Amino acid sequence: MSLAMSAEKQKKSYLVSLKDKLKKHLQLQSASVYQVDRRWLNGFMAAGFHSGLISLSELKLEYMKAHRNAYGKRMTEAQEQQLERRLTKLCLVD
């Protein structure tokens, strides 16, 4: 198997995992009165970015799609800006 195919399979596998984790997290959040701990999810997203499996714009898009599916509506402009700041902070290189 070539390296390109292997990398593509890794990316696809990561995206499937990410979509599932986002779906579960947002479903839990939508049913909860309190803020759900998202440290594990943040770590998973940062790891995907830093390993080169996903770009910042792809992370944002996947999160926004998962939000729309969980809540049945698009994120507000303020929520979208907050998400951008959170993802940018997660993906900083020290």
PDB file of N, CA and C in Angstrom:
ATOM      1  N   MET A   1       0.842  -1.172   0.000  1.00  0.00           N
ATOM      2  CA  MET A   1       0.000   0.000   0.000  1.00  0.00           C
ATOM      3  C   MET A   1       0.896   1.248   0.000  1.00  0.00           C
ATOM      4  N   SER A   2       0.583   2.211  -0.833  1.00  0.00           N
ATOM      5  CA  SER A   2       1.401   3.414  -0.922  1.00  0.00           C
ATOM      6  C   SER A   2       1.154   4.324   0.278  1.00  0.00           C
ATOM      7  N   LEU A   3       2.088   5.222   0.503  1.00  0.00           N
ATOM      8  CA  LEU A   3       1.958   6.170   1.613  1.00  0.00           C
ATOM      9  C   LEU A   3       0.761   7.085   1.431  1.00  0.00           C
ATOM     10  N   ALA A   4       0.487   7.489   0.200  1.00  0.00           N
ATOM     11  CA  ALA A   4      -0.650   8.371  -0.074  1.00  0.00           C
ATOM     12  C   ALA A   4      -1.962   7.678   0.274  1.00  0.00           C
ATOM     13  N   MET A   5      -2.090   6.407  -0.085  1.00  0.00           N
ATOM     14  CA  MET A   5      -3.311   5.662   0.234  1.00  0.00           C
ATOM     15  C   MET A   5      -3.438   5.465   1.736  1.00  0.00           C
ATOM     16  N   SER A   6      -2.323   5.196   2.394  1.00  0.00           N
ATOM     17  CA  SER A   6      -2.324   5.006   3.836  1.00  0.00           C
ATOM     18  C   SER A   6      -2.749   6.292   4.544  1.00  0.00           C
ATOM     19  N   ALA A   7      -2.209   7.418   4.109  1.00  0.00           N
ATOM     20  CA  ALA A   7      -2.562   8.709   4.703  1.00  0.00           C
ATOM     21  C   ALA A   7      -4.037   9.019   4.470  1.00  0.00           C
ATOM     22  N   GLU A   8      -4.522   8.693   3.293  1.00  0.00           N
ATOM     23  CA  GLU A   8      -5.933   8.934   2.966  1.00  0.00           C
ATOM     24  C   GLU A   8      -6.837   8.072   3.843  1.00  0.00           C
ATOM     25  N   LYS A   9      -6.455   6.827   4.070  1.00  0.00           N
ATOM     26  CA  LYS A   9      -7.232   5.941   4.941  1.00  0.00           C
ATOM     27  C   LYS A   9      -7.224   6.445   6.375  1.00  0.00           C
ATOM     28  N   GLN A  10      -6.071   6.944   6.826  1.00  0.00           N
ATOM     29  CA  GLN A  10      -5.977   7.489   8.179  1.00  0.00           C
ATOM     30  C   GLN A  10      -6.883   8.705   8.342  1.00  0.00           C
ATOM     31  N   LYS A  11      -6.875   9.570   7.334  1.00  0.00           N
ATOM     32  CA  LYS A  11      -7.719  10.770   7.383  1.00  0.00           C
ATOM     33  C   LYS A  11      -9.193  10.379   7.404  1.00  0.00           C
ATOM     34  N   LYS A  12      -9.568   9.437   6.567  1.00  0.00           N
ATOM     35  CA  LYS A  12     -10.959   8.995   6.507  1.00  0.00           C
ATOM     36  C   LYS A  12     -11.386   8.387   7.845  1.00  0.00           C
ATOM     37  N   SER A  13     -10.526   7.582   8.419  1.00  0.00           N
ATOM     38  CA  SER A  13     -10.802   6.960   9.710  1.00  0.00           C
ATOM     39  C   SER A  13     -10.943   8.017  10.801  1.00  0.00           C
ATOM     40  N   TYR A  14     -10.065   9.006  10.775  1.00  0.00           N
ATOM     41  CA  TYR A  14     -10.134  10.089  11.754  1.00  0.00           C
ATOM     42  C   TYR A  14     -11.454  10.851  11.612  1.00  0.00           C
ATOM     43  N   LEU A  15     -11.843  11.174  10.379  1.00  0.00           N
ATOM     44  CA  LEU A  15     -13.080  11.922  10.154  1.00  0.00           C
ATOM     45  C   LEU A  15     -14.306  11.154  10.648  1.00  0.00           C
ATOM     46  N   VAL A  16     -14.339   9.855  10.414  1.00  0.00           N
ATOM     47  CA  VAL A  16     -15.458   9.033  10.901  1.00  0.00           C
ATOM     48  C   VAL A  16     -15.514   9.095  12.426  1.00  0.00           C
ATOM     49  N   SER A  17     -14.362   8.960  13.052  1.00  0.00           N
ATOM     50  CA  SER A  17     -14.276   9.028  14.514  1.00  0.00           C
ATOM     51  C   SER A  17     -14.687  10.401  15.029  1.00  0.00           C
ATOM     52  N   LEU A  18     -14.188  11.452  14.380  1.00  0.00           N
ATOM     53  CA  LEU A  18     -14.497  12.814  14.789  1.00  0.00           C
ATOM     54  C   LEU A  18     -15.998  13.082  14.695  1.00  0.00           C
ATOM     55  N   LYS A  19     -16.604  12.687  13.582  1.00  0.00           N
ATOM     56  CA  LYS A  19     -18.043  12.904  13.413  1.00  0.00           C
ATOM     57  C   LYS A  19     -18.835  12.210  14.511  1.00  0.00           C
ATOM     58  N   ASP A  20     -18.452  10.994  14.857  1.00  0.00           N
ATOM     59  CA  ASP A  20     -19.139  10.252  15.908  1.00  0.00           C
ATOM     60  C   ASP A  20     -18.964  10.941  17.260  1.00  0.00           C
ATOM     61  N   LYS A  21     -17.753  11.376  17.570  1.00  0.00           N
ATOM     62  CA  LYS A  21     -17.486  12.036  18.849  1.00  0.00           C
ATOM     63  C   LYS A  21     -18.224  13.380  18.949  1.00  0.00           C
ATOM     64  N   LEU A  22     -18.253  14.131  17.857  1.00  0.00           N
ATOM     65  CA  LEU A  22     -18.979  15.397  17.843  1.00  0.00           C
ATOM     66  C   LEU A  22     -20.474  15.164  18.039  1.00  0.00           C
ATOM     67  N   LYS A  23     -21.003  14.169  17.351  1.00  0.00           N
ATOM     68  CA  LYS A  23     -22.428  13.863  17.459  1.00  0.00           C
ATOM     69  C   LYS A  23     -22.795  13.511  18.900  1.00  0.00           C
ATOM     70  N   LYS A  24     -22.021  12.631  19.512  1.00  0.00           N
ATOM     71  CA  LYS A  24     -22.300  12.221  20.892  1.00  0.00           C
ATOM     72  C   LYS A  24     -22.168  13.399  21.849  1.00  0.00           C
ATOM     73  N   HIS A  25     -21.123  14.191  21.675  1.00  0.00           N
ATOM     74  CA  HIS A  25     -20.898  15.334  22.562  1.00  0.00           C
ATOM     75  C   HIS A  25     -22.045  16.344  22.464  1.00  0.00           C
ATOM     76  N   LEU A  26     -22.429  16.696  21.254  1.00  0.00           N
ATOM     77  CA  LEU A  26     -23.462  17.710  21.078  1.00  0.00           C
ATOM     78  C   LEU A  26     -24.844  17.197  21.474  1.00  0.00           C
ATOM     79  N   GLN A  27     -25.110  15.909  21.282  1.00  0.00           N
ATOM     80  CA  GLN A  27     -26.375  15.353  21.753  1.00  0.00           C
ATOM     81  C   GLN A  27     -26.442  15.419  23.276  1.00  0.00           C
ATOM     82  N   LEU A  28     -25.345  15.071  23.927  1.00  0.00           N
ATOM     83  CA  LEU A  28     -25.267  15.141  25.386  1.00  0.00           C
ATOM     84  C   LEU A  28     -25.423  16.586  25.849  1.00  0.00           C
ATOM     85  N   GLN A  29     -24.749  17.503  25.167  1.00  0.00           N
ATOM     86  CA  GLN A  29     -24.826  18.920  25.523  1.00  0.00           C
ATOM     87  C   GLN A  29     -26.238  19.465  25.344  1.00  0.00           C
ATOM     88  N   SER A  30     -26.902  19.096  24.267  1.00  0.00           N
ATOM     89  CA  SER A  30     -28.249  19.622  24.012  1.00  0.00           C
ATOM     90  C   SER A  30     -29.263  19.116  25.039  1.00  0.00           C
ATOM     91  N   ALA A  31     -29.001  17.953  25.631  1.00  0.00           N
ATOM     92  CA  ALA A  31     -29.916  17.385  26.624  1.00  0.00           C
ATOM     93  C   ALA A  31     -29.571  17.811  28.049  1.00  0.00           C
ATOM     94  N   SER A  32     -28.445  18.491  28.230  1.00  0.00           N
ATOM     95  CA  SER A  32     -27.969  18.842  29.567  1.00  0.00           C
ATOM     96  C   SER A  32     -28.252  20.302  29.901  1.00  0.00           C
ATOM     97  N   VAL A  33     -28.509  20.546  31.163  1.00  0.00           N
ATOM     98  CA  VAL A  33     -28.700  21.909  31.641  1.00  0.00           C
ATOM     99  C   VAL A  33     -27.339  22.581  31.848  1.00  0.00           C
ATOM    100  N   TYR A  34     -26.336  21.792  32.160  1.00  0.00           N
ATOM    101  CA  TYR A  34     -24.995  22.296  32.454  1.00  0.00           C
ATOM    102  C   TYR A  34     -24.054  22.085  31.281  1.00  0.00           C
ATOM    103  N   GLN A  35     -22.956  22.834  31.281  1.00  0.00           N
ATOM    104  CA  GLN A  35     -21.925  22.678  30.255  1.00  0.00           C
ATOM    105  C   GLN A  35     -21.277  21.298  30.391  1.00  0.00           C
ATOM    106  N   VAL A  36     -21.192  20.568  29.305  1.00  0.00           N
ATOM    107  CA  VAL A  36     -20.580  19.242  29.292  1.00  0.00           C
ATOM    108  C   VAL A  36     -19.067  19.404  29.105  1.00  0.00           C
ATOM    109  N   ASP A  37     -18.288  18.630  29.849  1.00  0.00           N
ATOM    110  CA  ASP A  37     -16.835  18.687  29.748  1.00  0.00           C
ATOM    111  C   ASP A  37     -16.394  18.289  28.334  1.00  0.00           C
ATOM    112  N   ARG A  38     -15.629  19.137  27.710  1.00  0.00           N
ATOM    113  CA  ARG A  38     -15.209  18.859  26.334  1.00  0.00           C
ATOM    114  C   ARG A  38     -13.694  18.755  26.183  1.00  0.00           C
ATOM    115  N   ARG A  39     -12.993  18.564  27.296  1.00  0.00           N
ATOM    116  CA  ARG A  39     -11.529  18.483  27.223  1.00  0.00           C
ATOM    117  C   ARG A  39     -11.056  17.325  26.348  1.00  0.00           C
ATOM    118  N   TRP A  40     -11.711  16.173  26.463  1.00  0.00           N
ATOM    119  CA  TRP A  40     -11.293  15.022  25.675  1.00  0.00           C
ATOM    120  C   TRP A  40     -11.518  15.295  24.188  1.00  0.00           C
ATOM    121  N   LEU A  41     -12.673  15.873  23.867  1.00  0.00           N
ATOM    122  CA  LEU A  41     -12.986  16.212  22.479  1.00  0.00           C
ATOM    123  C   LEU A  41     -11.988  17.248  21.948  1.00  0.00           C
ATOM    124  N   ASN A  42     -11.685  18.252  22.757  1.00  0.00           N
ATOM    125  CA  ASN A  42     -10.702  19.266  22.341  1.00  0.00           C
ATOM    126  C   ASN A  42      -9.353  18.622  22.046  1.00  0.00           C
ATOM    127  N   GLY A  43      -8.928  17.708  22.907  1.00  0.00           N
ATOM    128  CA  GLY A  43      -7.662  17.009  22.696  1.00  0.00           C
ATOM    129  C   GLY A  43      -7.658  16.184  21.424  1.00  0.00           C
ATOM    130  N   PHE A  44      -8.780  15.529  21.153  1.00  0.00           N
ATOM    131  CA  PHE A  44      -8.905  14.715  19.939  1.00  0.00           C
ATOM    132  C   PHE A  44      -8.812  15.594  18.687  1.00  0.00           C
ATOM    133  N   MET A  45      -9.483  16.758  18.722  1.00  0.00           N
ATOM    134  CA  MET A  45      -9.439  17.664  17.574  1.00  0.00           C
ATOM    135  C   MET A  45      -8.034  18.240  17.392  1.00  0.00           C
ATOM    136  N   ALA A  46      -7.389  18.629  18.496  1.00  0.00           N
ATOM    137  CA  ALA A  46      -6.025  19.180  18.411  1.00  0.00           C
ATOM    138  C   ALA A  46      -5.055  18.127  17.884  1.00  0.00           C
ATOM    139  N   ALA A  47      -5.199  16.890  18.342  1.00  0.00           N
ATOM    140  CA  ALA A  47      -4.315  15.812  17.879  1.00  0.00           C
ATOM    141  C   ALA A  47      -4.477  15.585  16.378  1.00  0.00           C
ATOM    142  N   GLY A  48      -5.707  15.612  15.893  1.00  0.00           N
ATOM    143  CA  GLY A  48      -5.957  15.450  14.456  1.00  0.00           C
ATOM    144  C   GLY A  48      -5.314  16.558  13.646  1.00  0.00           C
ATOM    145  N   PHE A  49      -5.414  17.787  14.163  1.00  0.00           N
ATOM    146  CA  PHE A  49      -4.813  18.929  13.467  1.00  0.00           C
ATOM    147  C   PHE A  49      -3.291  18.816  13.457  1.00  0.00           C
ATOM    148  N   HIS A  50      -2.704  18.578  14.626  1.00  0.00           N
ATOM    149  CA  HIS A  50      -1.245  18.555  14.734  1.00  0.00           C
ATOM    150  C   HIS A  50      -0.606  17.361  14.024  1.00  0.00           C
ATOM    151  N   SER A  51      -1.379  16.308  13.816  1.00  0.00           N
ATOM    152  CA  SER A  51      -0.825  15.163  13.080  1.00  0.00           C
ATOM    153  C   SER A  51      -1.031  15.313  11.574  1.00  0.00           C
ATOM    154  N   GLY A  52      -1.675  16.397  11.169  1.00  0.00           N
ATOM    155  CA  GLY A  52      -1.866  16.655   9.745  1.00  0.00           C
ATOM    156  C   GLY A  52      -3.037  15.918   9.124  1.00  0.00           C
ATOM    157  N   LEU A  53      -3.905  15.345   9.955  1.00  0.00           N
ATOM    158  CA  LEU A  53      -5.052  14.600   9.428  1.00  0.00           C
ATOM    159  C   LEU A  53      -6.205  15.506   9.024  1.00  0.00           C
ATOM    160  N   ILE A  54      -6.252  16.711   9.588  1.00  0.00           N
ATOM    161  CA  ILE A  54      -7.374  17.601   9.313  1.00  0.00           C
ATOM    162  C   ILE A  54      -6.907  19.047   9.439  1.00  0.00           C
ATOM    163  N   SER A  55      -7.493  19.913   8.643  1.00  0.00           N
ATOM    164  CA  SER A  55      -7.127  21.330   8.697  1.00  0.00           C
ATOM    165  C   SER A  55      -8.068  22.065   9.652  1.00  0.00           C
ATOM    166  N   LEU A  56      -7.698  23.264   9.995  1.00  0.00           N
ATOM    167  CA  LEU A  56      -8.518  24.085  10.880  1.00  0.00           C
ATOM    168  C   LEU A  56      -9.885  24.355  10.263  1.00  0.00           C
ATOM    169  N   SER A  57      -9.921  24.642   8.976  1.00  0.00           N
ATOM    170  CA  SER A  57     -11.204  24.916   8.307  1.00  0.00           C
ATOM    171  C   SER A  57     -12.080  23.662   8.254  1.00  0.00           C
ATOM    172  N   GLU A  58     -11.466  22.496   8.088  1.00  0.00           N
ATOM    173  CA  GLU A  58     -12.240  21.248   8.092  1.00  0.00           C
ATOM    174  C   GLU A  58     -12.808  20.960   9.478  1.00  0.00           C
ATOM    175  N   LEU A  59     -12.024  21.241  10.525  1.00  0.00           N
ATOM    176  CA  LEU A  59     -12.518  21.067  11.897  1.00  0.00           C
ATOM    177  C   LEU A  59     -13.740  21.946  12.133  1.00  0.00           C
ATOM    178  N   LYS A  60     -13.619  23.196  11.718  1.00  0.00           N
ATOM    179  CA  LYS A  60     -14.734  24.136  11.897  1.00  0.00           C
ATOM    180  C   LYS A  60     -15.971  23.649  11.150  1.00  0.00           C
ATOM    181  N   LEU A  61     -15.796  23.235   9.922  1.00  0.00           N
ATOM    182  CA  LEU A  61     -16.917  22.759   9.115  1.00  0.00           C
ATOM    183  C   LEU A  61     -17.580  21.534   9.739  1.00  0.00           C
ATOM    184  N   GLU A  62     -16.788  20.571  10.192  1.00  0.00           N
ATOM    185  CA  GLU A  62     -17.347  19.365  10.813  1.00  0.00           C
ATOM    186  C   GLU A  62     -18.106  19.702  12.090  1.00  0.00           C
ATOM    187  N   TYR A  63     -17.561  20.618  12.886  1.00  0.00           N
ATOM    188  CA  TYR A  63     -18.228  21.007  14.124  1.00  0.00           C
ATOM    189  C   TYR A  63     -19.555  21.705  13.807  1.00  0.00           C
ATOM    190  N   MET A  64     -19.537  22.582  12.819  1.00  0.00           N
ATOM    191  CA  MET A  64     -20.759  23.307  12.454  1.00  0.00           C
ATOM    192  C   MET A  64     -21.828  22.358  11.911  1.00  0.00           C
ATOM    193  N   LYS A  65     -21.425  21.362  11.127  1.00  0.00           N
ATOM    194  CA  LYS A  65     -22.384  20.371  10.616  1.00  0.00           C
ATOM    195  C   LYS A  65     -22.974  19.561  11.763  1.00  0.00           C
ATOM    196  N   ALA A  66     -22.124  19.155  12.704  1.00  0.00           N
ATOM    197  CA  ALA A  66     -22.596  18.371  13.849  1.00  0.00           C
ATOM    198  C   ALA A  66     -23.549  19.202  14.707  1.00  0.00           C
ATOM    199  N   HIS A  67     -23.249  20.477  14.864  1.00  0.00           N
ATOM    200  CA  HIS A  67     -24.123  21.369  15.634  1.00  0.00           C
ATOM    201  C   HIS A  67     -25.490  21.482  14.967  1.00  0.00           C
ATOM    202  N   ARG A  68     -25.488  21.673  13.667  1.00  0.00           N
ATOM    203  CA  ARG A  68     -26.749  21.789  12.919  1.00  0.00           C
ATOM    204  C   ARG A  68     -27.577  20.512  13.041  1.00  0.00           C
ATOM    205  N   ASN A  69     -26.919  19.361  12.994  1.00  0.00           N
ATOM    206  CA  ASN A  69     -27.627  18.089  13.123  1.00  0.00           C
ATOM    207  C   ASN A  69     -28.172  17.885  14.533  1.00  0.00           C
ATOM    208  N   ALA A  70     -27.427  18.313  15.543  1.00  0.00           N
ATOM    209  CA  ALA A  70     -27.845  18.115  16.933  1.00  0.00           C
ATOM    210  C   ALA A  70     -28.960  19.075  17.345  1.00  0.00           C
ATOM    211  N   TYR A  71     -28.865  20.312  16.909  1.00  0.00           N
ATOM    212  CA  TYR A  71     -29.817  21.337  17.348  1.00  0.00           C
ATOM    213  C   TYR A  71     -30.878  21.677  16.304  1.00  0.00           C
ATOM    214  N   GLY A  72     -30.706  21.197  15.088  1.00  0.00           N
ATOM    215  CA  GLY A  72     -31.686  21.471  14.046  1.00  0.00           C
ATOM    216  C   GLY A  72     -31.631  22.884  13.507  1.00  0.00           C
ATOM    217  N   LYS A  73     -30.561  23.604  13.804  1.00  0.00           N
ATOM    218  CA  LYS A  73     -30.403  24.965  13.288  1.00  0.00           C
ATOM    219  C   LYS A  73     -28.920  25.307  13.214  1.00  0.00           C
ATOM    220  N   ARG A  74     -28.632  26.336  12.438  1.00  0.00           N
ATOM    221  CA  ARG A  74     -27.242  26.777  12.285  1.00  0.00           C
ATOM    222  C   ARG A  74     -26.758  27.478  13.542  1.00  0.00           C
ATOM    223  N   MET A  75     -25.452  27.531  13.700  1.00  0.00           N
ATOM    224  CA  MET A  75     -24.858  28.290  14.801  1.00  0.00           C
ATOM    225  C   MET A  75     -25.108  29.772  14.569  1.00  0.00           C
ATOM    226  N   THR A  76     -25.225  30.523  15.652  1.00  0.00           N
ATOM    227  CA  THR A  76     -25.326  31.969  15.515  1.00  0.00           C
ATOM    228  C   THR A  76     -23.945  32.515  15.149  1.00  0.00           C
ATOM    229  N   GLU A  77     -23.924  33.749  14.724  1.00  0.00           N
ATOM    230  CA  GLU A  77     -22.645  34.383  14.374  1.00  0.00           C
ATOM    231  C   GLU A  77     -21.711  34.403  15.585  1.00  0.00           C
ATOM    232  N   ALA A  78     -22.264  34.688  16.770  1.00  0.00           N
ATOM    233  CA  ALA A  78     -21.451  34.719  18.001  1.00  0.00           C
ATOM    234  C   ALA A  78     -20.893  33.330  18.319  1.00  0.00           C
ATOM    235  N   GLN A  79     -21.710  32.296  18.159  1.00  0.00           N
ATOM    236  CA  GLN A  79     -21.247  30.924  18.404  1.00  0.00           C
ATOM    237  C   GLN A  79     -20.150  30.539  17.421  1.00  0.00           C
ATOM    238  N   GLU A  80     -20.325  30.950  16.186  1.00  0.00           N
ATOM    239  CA  GLU A  80     -19.330  30.639  15.156  1.00  0.00           C
ATOM    240  C   GLU A  80     -18.000  31.331  15.463  1.00  0.00           C
ATOM    241  N   GLN A  81     -18.058  32.580  15.906  1.00  0.00           N
ATOM    242  CA  GLN A  81     -16.831  33.306  16.262  1.00  0.00           C
ATOM    243  C   GLN A  81     -16.157  32.660  17.468  1.00  0.00           C
ATOM    244  N   GLN A  82     -16.958  32.235  18.437  1.00  0.00           N
ATOM    245  CA  GLN A  82     -16.415  31.570  19.620  1.00  0.00           C
ATOM    246  C   GLN A  82     -15.735  30.251  19.223  1.00  0.00           C
ATOM    247  N   LEU A  83     -16.372  29.505  18.310  1.00  0.00           N
ATOM    248  CA  LEU A  83     -15.793  28.258  17.816  1.00  0.00           C
ATOM    249  C   LEU A  83     -14.458  28.521  17.122  1.00  0.00           C
ATOM    250  N   GLU A  84     -14.410  29.546  16.285  1.00  0.00           N
ATOM    251  CA  GLU A  84     -13.154  29.888  15.592  1.00  0.00           C
ATOM    252  C   GLU A  84     -12.042  30.189  16.592  1.00  0.00           C
ATOM    253  N   ARG A  85     -12.364  30.977  17.625  1.00  0.00           N
ATOM    254  CA  ARG A  85     -11.350  31.300  18.641  1.00  0.00           C
ATOM    255  C   ARG A  85     -10.896  30.037  19.369  1.00  0.00           C
ATOM    256  N   ARG A  86     -11.854  29.172  19.727  1.00  0.00           N
ATOM    257  CA  ARG A  86     -11.523  27.937  20.445  1.00  0.00           C
ATOM    258  C   ARG A  86     -10.633  27.033  19.606  1.00  0.00           C
ATOM    259  N   LEU A  87     -10.997  26.843  18.334  1.00  0.00           N
ATOM    260  CA  LEU A  87     -10.208  25.971  17.465  1.00  0.00           C
ATOM    261  C   LEU A  87      -8.826  26.553  17.190  1.00  0.00           C
ATOM    262  N   THR A  88      -8.759  27.856  16.998  1.00  0.00           N
ATOM    263  CA  THR A  88      -7.467  28.507  16.752  1.00  0.00           C
ATOM    264  C   THR A  88      -6.555  28.320  17.965  1.00  0.00           C
ATOM    265  N   LYS A  89      -7.135  28.477  19.151  1.00  0.00           N
ATOM    266  CA  LYS A  89      -6.370  28.306  20.388  1.00  0.00           C
ATOM    267  C   LYS A  89      -5.889  26.846  20.529  1.00  0.00           C
ATOM    268  N   LEU A  90      -6.761  25.897  20.190  1.00  0.00           N
ATOM    269  CA  LEU A  90      -6.400  24.481  20.266  1.00  0.00           C
ATOM    270  C   LEU A  90      -5.253  24.126  19.326  1.00  0.00           C
ATOM    271  N   CYS A  91      -5.229  24.794  18.188  1.00  0.00           N
ATOM    272  CA  CYS A  91      -4.295  24.403  17.139  1.00  0.00           C
ATOM    273  C   CYS A  91      -3.011  25.228  17.122  1.00  0.00           C
ATOM    274  N   LEU A  92      -2.810  26.056  18.147  1.00  0.00           N
ATOM    275  CA  LEU A  92      -1.567  26.818  18.235  1.00  0.00           C
ATOM    276  C   LEU A  92      -0.395  25.874  18.466  1.00  0.00           C
ATOM    277  N   VAL A  93       0.720  26.234  17.910  1.00  0.00           N
ATOM    278  CA  VAL A  93       1.953  25.469  18.103  1.00  0.00           C
ATOM    279  C   VAL A  93       2.800  26.225  19.110  1.00  0.00           C
ATOM    280  N   ASP A  94       3.173  25.548  20.185  1.00  0.00           N
ATOM    281  CA  ASP A  94       3.999  26.212  21.217  1.00  0.00           C
ATOM    282  C   ASP A  94       5.424  26.344  20.774  1.00  0.00           C
TER     283      ASP A  94
END
